[in-house]
């Protein structure tokens, strides 16, 4: 498998405690999203399911 470099960060939006900035960066691409807390929770659940599936 090839080595793949990726950075993921999440931070709370300063003026709204229910909004989060979600950023994914690779050497060739950077994607940035502003997501509400409900979407971040759904994303967390999907990641946990994928990691715990046999």
Protein backbone atom coordinates (compact mmCIF):
# COMPACT_ATOMS: atom_id res chain seq x y z
CA UNK A 1 0.00 0.00 0.00
CA UNK A 2 1.29 3.46 -0.91
CA UNK A 3 2.04 5.98 1.80
CA UNK A 4 -0.59 8.72 1.93
CA UNK A 5 -0.25 12.01 3.79
CA UNK A 6 -3.39 13.69 5.09
CA UNK A 7 -4.17 16.21 7.80
CA UNK A 8 -7.59 16.53 9.42
CA UNK A 9 -8.58 19.29 11.83
CA UNK A 10 -11.76 20.43 13.52
CA UNK A 11 -12.28 23.66 15.43
CA UNK A 12 -15.29 25.45 16.83
CA UNK A 13 -16.41 28.58 14.96
CA UNK A 14 -15.71 31.54 17.19
CA UNK A 15 -19.13 33.25 17.07
CA UNK A 16 -21.34 30.13 17.09
CA UNK A 17 -20.76 27.25 19.51
CA UNK A 18 -22.87 24.87 17.38
CA UNK A 19 -20.84 25.34 14.17
CA UNK A 20 -17.47 23.73 13.44
CA UNK A 21 -14.82 24.23 10.80
CA UNK A 22 -13.74 20.85 9.42
CA UNK A 23 -10.61 20.83 7.25
CA UNK A 24 -8.95 18.01 5.31
CA UNK A 25 -5.61 18.68 3.63
CA UNK A 26 -3.41 16.54 1.40
CA UNK A 27 -0.31 17.62 -0.52
CA UNK A 28 -2.49 18.34 -3.59
CA UNK A 29 -5.89 19.29 -2.17
CA UNK A 30 -7.40 21.23 0.72
CA UNK A 31 -11.12 21.04 1.56
CA UNK A 32 -12.74 23.15 4.22
CA UNK A 33 -16.33 22.88 5.48
CA UNK A 34 -18.41 24.70 8.06
CA UNK A 35 -20.67 22.07 9.61
CA UNK A 36 -23.32 22.18 12.35
CA UNK A 37 -22.91 20.07 15.48
CA UNK A 38 -25.55 17.58 14.25
CA UNK A 39 -23.55 16.82 11.08
CA UNK A 40 -20.32 16.41 13.06
CA UNK A 41 -22.12 13.90 15.33
CA UNK A 42 -23.41 11.95 12.31
CA UNK A 43 -19.89 11.90 10.86
CA UNK A 44 -18.50 10.63 14.18
CA UNK A 45 -21.05 7.81 14.26
CA UNK A 46 -20.22 6.78 10.67
CA UNK A 47 -16.50 6.73 11.45
CA UNK A 48 -17.03 4.66 14.62
CA UNK A 49 -19.19 2.15 12.71
CA UNK A 50 -16.58 1.78 9.97
CA UNK A 51 -13.79 1.27 12.52
CA UNK A 52 -15.68 -1.32 14.57
CA UNK A 53 -17.17 -3.35 11.68
CA UNK A 54 -15.66 -6.79 11.28
